[in-house]
Amino acid sequence: MKILITGGKGQLATEFIEYFEKNGIEFNAFSREDLDITDFNKVYSLIKEIKPEIIINCSAYNNVDGAEREPYLACKVNAFGVYNLALASGKVNAKLIHYSTDYVFDGEKLGFYTEEDKPNPINEYGKSKLFGELFIKETLENYLIFRTSWVYGKGKQNFLYKLNEWAKTQEVLKIAVDEFSVPTSTKTIVEVTMKAIDAGLTGLYHLTNSGYASRYEWAKEYLRLKGISKLIYPAYQSDFNLPAKRPKWSVMSNERISKELNIEIKEWKEELRSIIDECRI
């Protein structure tokens, strides 16, 4: 199995690379500098040369607030760049693995979001990720789209890294108590993705750890496990006056992927404890 990874320096790609190296799986990983997915000619030329069987897209524009200021750039990467990958994947008959977001939902549902629920993004980032999903569906049959949420792992582009940095300089940490989703580790994403590939699955799935939490609960549990003593103040989303609206409830169910693969995905607290014990973050 020959695999190509885009966004090779990001936290999710880093997890995949460690997994592949540990398990002796052949792969080629390209950073944004090596492969800009918004350039179709470069994308097609490279993919045609390598002829991978699997393309794992870890490239993304993930700056939620930045997307409000530069929606074109968010769409350029998250939608049109994904379209380029889908076109090139079809040319070489490769399966495209792509990661979307819980932010395709508006947060108005009472209950867990499932794959059957209609998306209705309330910010530019969510819109750009939804367009990427639609481009793949319209272009390919051999694909896997995984919607993930509150992803954390090795790297600086996640909430836990920022929380750790804030704790170094602030005695009181203000964290939103009215924003709920599912903290999900890159380790879980990689392990479930590989099981899905081995099982030959295609289509759209929600891929998260189990359970749910407020951002306040997540922060409190992380600091407790790390032995960091700080006062955590339960604030509201509105207190921060951020450029992008966030859905207050974007909790997704992982029931479909769990049933398809006959697996149990760890509850978020258990997974967080495991990740910290393994010194992964």
Protein backbone atom coordinates (compact mmCIF):
# COMPACT_ATOMS: atom_id res chain seq x y z
CA MET A 1 0.00 0.00 0.00
CA LYS A 2 1.55 3.28 -1.15
CA ILE A 3 0.38 6.36 0.74
CA LEU A 4 0.78 10.09 0.10
CA ILE A 5 0.25 12.62 2.91
CA THR A 6 -0.34 16.34 2.41
CA GLY A 7 0.20 18.94 5.12
CA GLY A 8 3.15 16.92 6.36
CA LYS A 9 4.19 19.26 9.19
CA GLY A 10 0.79 19.46 10.93
CA GLN A 11 -0.23 17.64 14.10
CA LEU A 12 -2.38 15.04 12.33
CA ALA A 13 0.22 14.31 9.64
CA THR A 14 2.87 13.99 12.36
CA GLU A 15 0.77 11.29 14.04
CA PHE A 16 0.35 9.43 10.75
CA ILE A 17 4.07 9.61 10.02
CA GLU A 18 4.94 8.16 13.43
CA TYR A 19 2.39 5.38 12.91
CA PHE A 20 3.69 4.51 9.43
CA GLU A 21 7.32 4.52 10.50
CA LYS A 22 6.54 2.30 13.49
CA ASN A 23 4.60 -0.18 11.36
CA GLY A 24 6.86 -0.20 8.29
CA ILE A 25 4.26 1.28 5.92
CA GLU A 26 5.49 2.96 2.74
CA PHE A 27 4.54 6.63 2.50
CA ASN A 28 5.50 10.02 1.08
CA ALA A 29 4.74 13.11 3.18
CA PHE A 30 4.78 16.61 1.75
CA SER A 31 4.61 19.88 3.65
CA ARG A 32 2.75 22.90 2.34
CA GLU A 33 6.07 24.25 1.06
CA ASP A 34 6.65 21.03 -0.91
CA LEU A 35 3.08 20.65 -2.15
CA ASP A 36 0.63 23.53 -2.25
CA ILE A 37 -2.72 21.80 -2.80
CA THR A 38 -4.18 24.99 -4.29
CA ASP A 39 -1.88 24.56 -7.33
CA PHE A 40 -3.58 21.94 -9.50
CA ASN A 41 -0.67 21.48 -11.90
CA LYS A 42 1.74 20.67 -9.06
CA VAL A 43 -0.81 18.43 -7.36
CA TYR A 44 -1.59 16.46 -10.49
CA SER A 45 2.06 16.21 -11.59
CA LEU A 46 3.23 14.87 -8.23
CA ILE A 47 0.35 12.45 -7.76
CA LYS A 48 0.71 11.18 -11.32
CA GLU A 49 4.42 10.59 -10.69
CA ILE A 50 4.01 8.78 -7.34
CA LYS A 51 0.74 6.97 -8.18
CA PRO A 52 -0.34 6.45 -4.56
CA GLU A 53 -3.14 4.08 -3.66
CA ILE A 54 -4.18 6.26 -0.72
CA ILE A 55 -4.03 10.05 -0.42
CA ILE A 56 -4.44 11.39 3.12
CA ASN A 57 -5.21 15.09 3.10
CA CYS A 58 -3.93 16.75 6.26
CA SER A 59 -3.67 20.17 4.61
CA ALA A 60 -6.18 22.68 5.90
CA TYR A 61 -6.77 26.31 6.73
CA ASN A 62 -7.70 25.96 10.42
CA ASN A 63 -7.71 29.57 11.64
CA VAL A 64 -11.41 29.91 12.49
CA ASP A 65 -11.27 33.63 13.26
CA GLY A 66 -8.86 34.32 10.41
CA ALA A 67 -11.36 32.83 7.99
CA GLU A 68 -13.77 35.67 8.82
CA ARG A 69 -11.15 38.18 7.70
CA GLU A 70 -9.98 36.22 4.66
CA PRO A 71 -12.78 33.87 3.56
CA TYR A 72 -11.28 33.53 0.09
CA LEU A 73 -8.07 32.06 1.49
CA ALA A 74 -10.03 29.62 3.65
CA CYS A 75 -12.02 28.48 0.61
CA LYS A 76 -8.91 28.37 -1.54
CA VAL A 77 -7.38 25.72 0.73
CA ASN A 78 -10.37 23.96 2.29
CA ALA A 79 -12.54 23.83 -0.83
CA PHE A 80 -10.64 24.41 -4.06
CA GLY A 81 -7.46 22.73 -2.82
CA VAL A 82 -9.54 19.72 -1.83
CA TYR A 83 -11.18 19.76 -5.26
CA ASN A 84 -7.72 19.60 -6.84
CA LEU A 85 -6.89 16.55 -4.75
CA ALA A 86 -10.19 14.91 -5.66
CA LEU A 87 -9.59 15.44 -9.38
CA ALA A 88 -6.05 14.10 -9.17
CA SER A 89 -7.15 11.14 -7.03
CA GLY A 90 -9.66 10.17 -9.69
CA LYS A 91 -7.00 10.32 -12.40
CA VAL A 92 -4.83 7.69 -10.66
CA ASN A 93 -7.67 5.72 -9.00
CA ALA A 94 -6.47 6.57 -5.51
CA LYS A 95 -8.71 6.67 -2.44
CA LEU A 96 -8.88 10.16 -0.94
CA ILE A 97 -9.04 10.46 2.85
CA HIS A 98 -10.18 13.89 3.98
CA TYR A 99 -10.90 15.50 7.37
CA SER A 100 -13.75 17.91 7.92
CA THR A 101 -15.21 19.47 11.05
CA ASP A 102 -18.07 19.67 13.52
CA TYR A 103 -18.29 23.35 12.56
CA VAL A 104 -20.39 22.40 9.54
CA PHE A 105 -23.29 22.38 12.05
CA ASP A 106 -25.06 25.36 13.60
CA GLY A 107 -25.36 24.01 17.15
CA GLU A 108 -29.15 24.16 17.28
CA LYS A 109 -29.80 20.41 17.59
CA LEU A 110 -30.90 18.87 20.88
CA GLY A 111 -28.88 15.67 20.85
CA PHE A 112 -25.87 14.15 19.11
CA TYR A 113 -25.32 15.12 15.49
CA THR A 114 -25.32 12.17 13.09
CA GLU A 115 -24.23 11.84 9.48
CA GLU A 116 -27.86 12.25 8.39
CA ASP A 117 -28.20 15.75 9.90
CA LYS A 118 -28.20 18.65 7.47
CA PRO A 119 -25.15 20.93 7.79
CA ASN A 120 -25.69 24.63 8.36
CA PRO A 121 -22.36 26.33 9.13
CA ILE A 122 -22.48 29.68 10.93
CA ASN A 123 -18.93 30.83 10.18
CA GLU A 124 -16.68 31.11 7.11
CA TYR A 125 -14.41 28.30 8.25
CA GLY A 126 -17.33 25.88 8.51
CA LYS A 127 -18.60 26.97 5.09
CA SER A 128 -15.21 26.37 3.47
CA LYS A 129 -14.96 22.88 4.99
CA LEU A 130 -18.47 22.01 3.85
CA PHE A 131 -17.64 23.08 0.30
CA GLY A 132 -14.65 20.73 0.43
CA GLU A 133 -16.93 17.86 1.43
CA LEU A 134 -19.32 18.62 -1.43
CA PHE A 135 -16.53 18.82 -4.01
CA ILE A 136 -15.29 15.37 -3.01
CA LYS A 137 -18.76 13.84 -3.13
CA GLU A 138 -19.43 15.30 -6.57
CA THR A 139 -16.05 14.21 -7.97
CA LEU A 140 -15.24 10.80 -6.47
CA GLU A 141 -16.79 7.53 -5.39
CA ASN A 142 -13.70 6.16 -3.67
CA TYR A 143 -13.30 8.47 -0.69
CA LEU A 144 -13.54 8.73 3.09
CA ILE A 145 -14.58 11.98 4.72
CA PHE A 146 -14.18 12.10 8.48
CA ARG A 147 -15.73 14.92 10.46
CA THR A 148 -13.65 15.46 13.60
CA SER A 149 -13.85 17.86 16.54
CA TRP A 150 -11.53 19.62 18.99
CA VAL A 151 -8.50 17.78 17.65
CA TYR A 152 -5.36 17.72 19.78
CA GLY A 153 -1.95 16.10 19.50
CA LYS A 154 1.69 17.07 19.10
CA GLY A 155 1.90 20.59 17.76
CA LYS A 156 0.88 24.17 18.47
CA GLN A 157 -2.38 24.39 16.53
CA ASN A 158 -4.68 23.07 19.21
CA PHE A 159 -6.50 24.28 22.31
CA LEU A 160 -4.45 22.30 24.83
CA TYR A 161 -1.16 23.79 23.63
CA LYS A 162 -2.63 27.28 23.91
CA LEU A 163 -4.05 26.47 27.33
CA ASN A 164 -0.65 25.31 28.52
CA GLU A 165 0.93 28.54 27.27
CA TRP A 166 -1.72 30.70 28.95
CA ALA A 167 -1.13 28.85 32.22
CA LYS A 168 2.52 29.97 32.19
CA THR A 169 1.63 33.65 32.43
CA GLN A 170 -1.93 33.92 33.76
CA GLU A 171 -3.20 33.12 37.24
CA VAL A 172 -6.84 33.08 36.16
CA LEU A 173 -7.88 31.33 32.95
CA LYS A 174 -11.23 32.29 31.42
CA ILE A 175 -12.67 29.31 29.51
CA ALA A 176 -16.07 29.01 27.82
CA VAL A 177 -18.56 26.96 29.79
CA ASP A 178 -21.31 27.16 27.15
CA GLU A 179 -19.47 25.53 24.24
CA PHE A 180 -19.74 21.74 23.91
CA SER A 181 -18.13 19.21 21.60
CA VAL A 182 -15.89 16.13 21.76
CA PRO A 183 -12.13 16.40 22.46
CA THR A 184 -10.50 14.01 19.99
CA SER A 185 -6.88 12.90 19.85
CA THR A 186 -4.84 12.55 16.68
CA LYS A 187 -3.96 9.06 17.92
CA THR A 188 -7.64 8.05 17.82
CA ILE A 189 -8.07 9.60 14.38
CA VAL A 190 -5.09 7.73 12.92
CA GLU A 191 -6.01 4.37 14.45
CA VAL A 192 -9.64 4.52 13.30
CA THR A 193 -8.67 5.83 9.86
CA MET A 194 -6.34 2.88 9.31
CA LYS A 195 -9.03 0.42 10.41
CA ALA A 196 -11.46 2.05 7.98
CA ILE A 197 -8.95 1.80 5.13
CA ASP A 198 -8.27 -1.87 5.90
CA ALA A 199 -12.02 -2.54 5.98
CA GLY A 200 -12.50 -0.88 2.59
CA LEU A 201 -15.01 1.68 3.88
CA THR A 202 -16.09 4.62 1.77
CA GLY A 203 -18.34 7.59 2.48
CA LEU A 204 -18.86 10.13 5.25
CA TYR A 205 -18.36 9.35 8.94
CA HIS A 206 -18.09 11.20 12.23
CA LEU A 207 -14.79 10.33 13.89
CA THR A 208 -14.46 11.49 17.47
CA ASN A 209 -13.66 10.08 20.86
CA SER A 210 -16.74 9.13 22.86
CA GLY A 211 -18.76 11.30 25.23
CA TYR A 212 -18.73 15.09 25.21
CA ALA A 213 -17.54 18.04 27.26
CA SER A 214 -17.67 21.79 27.57
CA ARG A 215 -14.45 23.58 26.76
CA TYR A 216 -14.34 24.48 30.46
CA GLU A 217 -14.56 20.79 31.51
CA TRP A 218 -11.88 19.84 29.01
CA ALA A 219 -9.49 22.52 30.26
CA LYS A 220 -10.12 21.63 33.89
CA GLU A 221 -9.44 17.93 33.28
CA TYR A 222 -6.28 18.62 31.30
CA LEU A 223 -4.79 20.90 33.96
CA ARG A 224 -5.72 18.42 36.70
CA LEU A 225 -3.97 15.57 34.88
CA LYS A 226 -0.92 17.74 34.22
CA GLY A 227 -0.76 18.85 37.86
CA ILE A 228 -1.09 22.52 36.94
CA SER A 229 -2.84 24.54 39.64
CA LYS A 230 -4.72 27.50 38.19
CA LEU A 231 -8.06 29.13 38.79
CA ILE A 232 -10.32 28.39 35.83
CA TYR A 233 -13.13 30.89 35.49
CA PRO A 234 -16.30 29.63 33.74
CA ALA A 235 -16.89 32.31 31.11
CA TYR A 236 -19.35 32.55 28.24
CA GLN A 237 -18.66 32.62 24.51
CA SER A 238 -19.98 36.14 24.35
CA ASP A 239 -17.33 37.31 26.83
CA PHE A 240 -14.58 36.84 24.26
CA ASN A 241 -16.14 38.81 21.39
CA LEU A 242 -14.37 36.69 18.77
CA PRO A 243 -14.74 37.44 15.03
CA ALA A 244 -16.20 34.01 14.21
CA LYS A 245 -19.36 32.59 15.74
CA ARG A 246 -18.95 29.09 17.17
CA PRO A 247 -21.77 26.58 17.51
CA LYS A 248 -22.48 26.20 21.21
CA TRP A 249 -23.35 22.52 20.73
CA SER A 250 -21.49 20.56 18.04
CA VAL A 251 -21.37 17.14 19.69
CA MET A 252 -21.20 14.39 17.07
CA SER A 253 -22.04 10.71 17.47
CA ASN A 254 -19.38 8.16 16.45
CA GLU A 255 -21.91 5.33 16.50
CA ARG A 256 -21.88 4.68 12.75
CA ILE A 257 -18.12 4.24 12.38
CA SER A 258 -17.99 2.21 15.61
CA LYS A 259 -20.64 -0.20 14.31
CA GLU A 260 -19.10 -0.46 10.84
CA LEU A 261 -15.71 -1.39 12.30
CA ASN A 262 -17.06 -3.26 15.35
CA ILE A 263 -14.90 -1.21 17.71
CA GLU A 264 -15.29 0.83 20.87
CA ILE A 265 -13.71 4.27 20.69
CA LYS A 266 -12.29 5.53 23.99
CA GLU A 267 -14.21 8.08 26.02
CA TRP A 268 -12.51 11.48 25.82
CA LYS A 269 -11.34 11.56 29.46
CA GLU A 270 -9.81 8.09 29.23
CA GLU A 271 -8.07 8.98 25.99
CA LEU A 272 -6.74 12.27 27.37
CA ARG A 273 -5.32 10.47 30.40
CA SER A 274 -3.68 7.89 28.12
CA ILE A 275 -2.17 10.56 25.86
CA ILE A 276 -0.69 12.42 28.82
CA ASP A 277 0.63 9.19 30.42
CA GLU A 278 2.37 8.37 27.14
CA CYS A 279 3.93 11.85 27.14
CA ARG A 280 2.39 12.60 23.76
CA ILE A 281 1.44 16.12 24.84
